């Protein structure tokens, strides 16, 4: 019992600005996810939804790293809002960040839906598709890791 108390004391305190809100597909409820915490989620089986309130020019970044079930890094996508033209980066498929190909919805509150298949990574913002990245079209080595 004393050991359990020590473990509880070692847990990180949740700081509001370091929280991403994620929807759990099965239950339909939103849950807070602390920054830099790994959650067990099958992105191929269920789209991941992230709710943000990041304004253009806020310097906010949303980053989702993806790993195999064995814990090997597949890659990550980040979306940044620190300029007047938001952009994204898909690692290791891109050599540089890319402007969103579509105009993002104007609402500050956004729900991002990230879908991964064997061939593509798709991102919707408030129901509007803003990224449809085909892995085979990348000229960068190791992009095929996303197909795992």
C-alpha atoms as a PDB file:
ATOM      1  CA  UNK A   1       0.000   0.000   0.000  1.00  0.00           C
ATOM      2  CA  UNK A   2       2.876   2.374   0.814  1.00  0.00           C
ATOM      3  CA  UNK A   3       4.463   1.569  -2.554  1.00  0.00           C
ATOM      4  CA  UNK A   4       1.218   2.484  -4.366  1.00  0.00           C
ATOM      5  CA  UNK A   5       1.168   5.874  -2.630  1.00  0.00           C
ATOM      6  CA  UNK A   6       4.716   6.567  -3.814  1.00  0.00           C
ATOM      7  CA  UNK A   7       3.748   5.719  -7.407  1.00  0.00           C
ATOM      8  CA  UNK A   8       0.801   8.129  -7.214  1.00  0.00           C
ATOM      9  CA  UNK A   9       3.096  10.906  -6.013  1.00  0.00           C
ATOM     10  CA  UNK A  10       5.422  10.336  -8.979  1.00  0.00           C
ATOM     11  CA  UNK A  11       2.636  10.799 -11.538  1.00  0.00           C
ATOM     12  CA  UNK A  12       2.755  14.002 -13.574  1.00  0.00           C
ATOM     13  CA  UNK A  13       0.296  16.693 -12.671  1.00  0.00           C
ATOM     14  CA  UNK A  14      -1.975  17.521 -15.597  1.00  0.00           C
ATOM     15  CA  UNK A  15      -1.448  21.093 -16.754  1.00  0.00           C
ATOM     16  CA  UNK A  16      -4.378  22.480 -18.744  1.00  0.00           C
ATOM     17  CA  UNK A  17      -2.285  23.959 -21.575  1.00  0.00           C
ATOM     18  CA  UNK A  18      -0.517  20.644 -22.120  1.00  0.00           C
ATOM     19  CA  UNK A  19      -3.700  18.712 -22.797  1.00  0.00           C
ATOM     20  CA  UNK A  20      -5.083  17.435 -26.065  1.00  0.00           C
ATOM     21  CA  UNK A  21      -8.666  16.224 -26.117  1.00  0.00           C
ATOM     22  CA  UNK A  22      -9.237  12.949 -27.945  1.00  0.00           C
ATOM     23  CA  UNK A  23     -12.497  11.168 -28.729  1.00  0.00           C
ATOM     24  CA  UNK A  24     -12.709   7.506 -27.889  1.00  0.00           C
ATOM     25  CA  UNK A  25     -14.478   5.949 -30.855  1.00  0.00           C
ATOM     26  CA  UNK A  26     -16.152   3.102 -28.961  1.00  0.00           C
ATOM     27  CA  UNK A  27     -17.752   5.235 -26.277  1.00  0.00           C
ATOM     28  CA  UNK A  28     -18.151   8.524 -28.129  1.00  0.00           C
ATOM     29  CA  UNK A  29     -16.846  10.408 -25.081  1.00  0.00           C
ATOM     30  CA  UNK A  30     -13.973  12.894 -25.124  1.00  0.00           C
ATOM     31  CA  UNK A  31     -10.983  12.302 -22.872  1.00  0.00           C
ATOM     32  CA  UNK A  32      -8.087  14.559 -21.895  1.00  0.00           C
ATOM     33  CA  UNK A  33      -4.674  13.368 -23.011  1.00  0.00           C
ATOM     34  CA  UNK A  34      -1.622  14.832 -21.316  1.00  0.00           C
ATOM     35  CA  UNK A  35       1.186  16.065 -23.547  1.00  0.00           C
ATOM     36  CA  UNK A  36       3.819  13.447 -24.448  1.00  0.00           C
ATOM     37  CA  UNK A  37       1.809  10.515 -23.110  1.00  0.00           C
ATOM     38  CA  UNK A  38       1.382   7.363 -25.169  1.00  0.00           C
ATOM     39  CA  UNK A  39      -2.159   6.047 -25.542  1.00  0.00           C
ATOM     40  CA  UNK A  40      -2.956   2.593 -26.897  1.00  0.00           C
ATOM     41  CA  UNK A  41      -4.943   3.216 -30.070  1.00  0.00           C
ATOM     42  CA  UNK A  42      -5.346   1.347 -33.365  1.00  0.00           C
ATOM     43  CA  UNK A  43      -5.323   4.132 -35.961  1.00  0.00           C
ATOM     44  CA  UNK A  44      -5.983   1.680 -38.798  1.00  0.00           C
ATOM     45  CA  UNK A  45      -9.077   0.274 -37.105  1.00  0.00           C
ATOM     46  CA  UNK A  46     -10.543   3.593 -35.916  1.00  0.00           C
ATOM     47  CA  UNK A  47     -10.043   7.201 -36.987  1.00  0.00           C
ATOM     48  CA  UNK A  48      -8.548   9.374 -34.258  1.00  0.00           C
ATOM     49  CA  UNK A  49     -10.350  12.601 -33.430  1.00  0.00           C
ATOM     50  CA  UNK A  50      -8.603  15.495 -31.724  1.00  0.00           C
ATOM     51  CA  UNK A  51     -10.414  18.626 -30.598  1.00  0.00           C
ATOM     52  CA  UNK A  52      -8.407  21.893 -30.628  1.00  0.00           C
ATOM     53  CA  UNK A  53      -9.029  25.591 -30.129  1.00  0.00           C
ATOM     54  CA  UNK A  54      -5.780  26.739 -31.779  1.00  0.00           C
ATOM     55  CA  UNK A  55      -6.087  30.074 -33.536  1.00  0.00           C
ATOM     56  CA  UNK A  56      -4.013  30.875 -36.623  1.00  0.00           C
ATOM     57  CA  UNK A  57      -0.886  32.640 -35.398  1.00  0.00           C
ATOM     58  CA  UNK A  58      -1.152  31.099 -31.896  1.00  0.00           C
ATOM     59  CA  UNK A  59       2.137  29.206 -32.290  1.00  0.00           C
ATOM     60  CA  UNK A  60       0.308  26.011 -31.239  1.00  0.00           C
ATOM     61  CA  UNK A  61       1.445  22.662 -32.619  1.00  0.00           C
ATOM     62  CA  UNK A  62      -0.535  19.425 -32.700  1.00  0.00           C
ATOM     63  CA  UNK A  63       1.694  16.359 -33.069  1.00  0.00           C
ATOM     64  CA  UNK A  64       0.575  12.739 -33.294  1.00  0.00           C
ATOM     65  CA  UNK A  65       3.314  10.093 -33.258  1.00  0.00           C
ATOM     66  CA  UNK A  66       2.468   6.585 -34.451  1.00  0.00           C
ATOM     67  CA  UNK A  67       4.120   3.343 -33.343  1.00  0.00           C
ATOM     68  CA  UNK A  68       3.748  -0.329 -34.222  1.00  0.00           C
ATOM     69  CA  UNK A  69       2.223  -2.688 -31.657  1.00  0.00           C
ATOM     70  CA  UNK A  70       5.818  -3.731 -30.844  1.00  0.00           C
ATOM     71  CA  UNK A  71       6.740  -0.113 -30.074  1.00  0.00           C
ATOM     72  CA  UNK A  72       8.746   0.746 -33.201  1.00  0.00           C
ATOM     73  CA  UNK A  73       8.347   4.298 -34.463  1.00  0.00           C
ATOM     74  CA  UNK A  74       6.410   4.562 -37.720  1.00  0.00           C
ATOM     75  CA  UNK A  75       6.368   8.337 -37.989  1.00  0.00           C
ATOM     76  CA  UNK A  76       4.375  11.387 -36.983  1.00  0.00           C
ATOM     77  CA  UNK A  77       2.222  14.157 -38.323  1.00  0.00           C
ATOM     78  CA  UNK A  78       2.321  17.653 -36.924  1.00  0.00           C
ATOM     79  CA  UNK A  79       0.116  20.578 -37.724  1.00  0.00           C
ATOM     80  CA  UNK A  80       1.285  24.031 -36.732  1.00  0.00           C
ATOM     81  CA  UNK A  81      -0.545  27.305 -36.333  1.00  0.00           C
ATOM     82  CA  UNK A  82       2.323  29.706 -35.772  1.00  0.00           C
ATOM     83  CA  UNK A  83       1.947  31.605 -38.994  1.00  0.00           C
ATOM     84  CA  UNK A  84      -0.884  33.179 -40.947  1.00  0.00           C
ATOM     85  CA  UNK A  85      -0.853  30.101 -43.179  1.00  0.00           C
ATOM     86  CA  UNK A  86      -1.111  26.872 -41.146  1.00  0.00           C
ATOM     87  CA  UNK A  87       0.945  23.966 -42.412  1.00  0.00           C
ATOM     88  CA  UNK A  88       1.667  20.320 -41.690  1.00  0.00           C
ATOM     89  CA  UNK A  89       4.539  17.852 -41.828  1.00  0.00           C
ATOM     90  CA  UNK A  90       4.392  14.070 -42.174  1.00  0.00           C
ATOM     91  CA  UNK A  91       7.555  12.318 -40.994  1.00  0.00           C
ATOM     92  CA  UNK A  92       9.420  10.581 -42.568  1.00  0.00           C
ATOM     93  CA  UNK A  93       7.530  11.182 -45.816  1.00  0.00           C
ATOM     94  CA  UNK A  94       8.231  14.900 -46.220  1.00  0.00           C
ATOM     95  CA  UNK A  95      11.477  16.833 -46.326  1.00  0.00           C
ATOM     96  CA  UNK A  96       9.740  20.045 -45.252  1.00  0.00           C
ATOM     97  CA  UNK A  97       6.410  21.357 -44.006  1.00  0.00           C
ATOM     98  CA  UNK A  98       3.566  21.860 -46.471  1.00  0.00           C
ATOM     99  CA  UNK A  99       0.725  24.365 -46.519  1.00  0.00           C
ATOM    100  CA  UNK A 100      -2.670  22.797 -46.092  1.00  0.00           C
ATOM    101  CA  UNK A 101      -4.002  22.227 -49.627  1.00  0.00           C
ATOM    102  CA  UNK A 102      -7.475  23.347 -48.638  1.00  0.00           C
ATOM    103  CA  UNK A 103      -8.586  26.366 -46.688  1.00  0.00           C
ATOM    104  CA  UNK A 104      -9.228  25.329 -43.107  1.00  0.00           C
ATOM    105  CA  UNK A 105     -12.687  25.950 -41.652  1.00  0.00           C
ATOM    106  CA  UNK A 106     -12.856  29.403 -40.063  1.00  0.00           C
ATOM    107  CA  UNK A 107     -14.126  28.239 -36.654  1.00  0.00           C
ATOM    108  CA  UNK A 108     -11.453  28.426 -33.968  1.00  0.00           C
ATOM    109  CA  UNK A 109     -12.753  25.218 -32.344  1.00  0.00           C
ATOM    110  CA  UNK A 110     -11.829  22.355 -34.650  1.00  0.00           C
ATOM    111  CA  UNK A 111     -12.238  18.594 -34.641  1.00  0.00           C
ATOM    112  CA  UNK A 112      -9.425  16.892 -36.535  1.00  0.00           C
ATOM    113  CA  UNK A 113     -10.125  13.356 -37.784  1.00  0.00           C
ATOM    114  CA  UNK A 114      -6.990  11.393 -38.667  1.00  0.00           C
ATOM    115  CA  UNK A 115      -7.433   8.192 -40.665  1.00  0.00           C
ATOM    116  CA  UNK A 116      -4.622   5.816 -41.577  1.00  0.00           C
ATOM    117  CA  UNK A 117      -4.818   3.053 -44.162  1.00  0.00           C
ATOM    118  CA  UNK A 118      -2.100   0.884 -45.723  1.00  0.00           C
ATOM    119  CA  UNK A 119      -1.800   3.420 -48.550  1.00  0.00           C
ATOM    120  CA  UNK A 120      -2.644   6.867 -47.183  1.00  0.00           C
ATOM    121  CA  UNK A 121      -2.971   9.242 -44.263  1.00  0.00           C
ATOM    122  CA  UNK A 122      -6.108  11.372 -44.381  1.00  0.00           C
ATOM    123  CA  UNK A 123      -6.984  14.332 -42.205  1.00  0.00           C
ATOM    124  CA  UNK A 124     -10.340  16.072 -41.973  1.00  0.00           C
ATOM    125  CA  UNK A 125     -10.986  19.320 -40.147  1.00  0.00           C
ATOM    126  CA  UNK A 126     -14.596  19.824 -39.043  1.00  0.00           C
ATOM    127  CA  UNK A 127     -15.673  17.276 -41.649  1.00  0.00           C
ATOM    128  CA  UNK A 128     -13.694  18.836 -44.544  1.00  0.00           C
ATOM    129  CA  UNK A 129     -10.849  16.738 -45.973  1.00  0.00           C
ATOM    130  CA  UNK A 130      -7.678  18.842 -45.801  1.00  0.00           C
ATOM    131  CA  UNK A 131      -4.983  16.169 -46.309  1.00  0.00           C
ATOM    132  CA  UNK A 132      -5.010  12.986 -48.369  1.00  0.00           C
ATOM    133  CA  UNK A 133      -1.359  11.936 -48.339  1.00  0.00           C
ATOM    134  CA  UNK A 134      -0.600   8.887 -50.519  1.00  0.00           C
ATOM    135  CA  UNK A 135       2.504   7.152 -49.126  1.00  0.00           C
ATOM    136  CA  UNK A 136       3.649   5.738 -52.494  1.00  0.00           C
ATOM    137  CA  UNK A 137       3.880   9.272 -53.924  1.00  0.00           C
ATOM    138  CA  UNK A 138       6.640  10.224 -51.486  1.00  0.00           C
ATOM    139  CA  UNK A 139      10.196  10.413 -52.819  1.00  0.00           C
ATOM    140  CA  UNK A 140      11.623  10.306 -49.290  1.00  0.00           C
ATOM    141  CA  UNK A 141      13.105   7.072 -47.916  1.00  0.00           C
ATOM    142  CA  UNK A 142      11.238   5.200 -45.187  1.00  0.00           C
ATOM    143  CA  UNK A 143       7.789   6.608 -45.944  1.00  0.00           C
ATOM    144  CA  UNK A 144       6.709   2.991 -46.480  1.00  0.00           C
ATOM    145  CA  UNK A 145       6.905   2.573 -42.677  1.00  0.00           C
ATOM    146  CA  UNK A 146       3.380   4.056 -42.580  1.00  0.00           C
ATOM    147  CA  UNK A 147       2.144   0.988 -44.476  1.00  0.00           C
ATOM    148  CA  UNK A 148       3.099  -1.329 -41.586  1.00  0.00           C
END
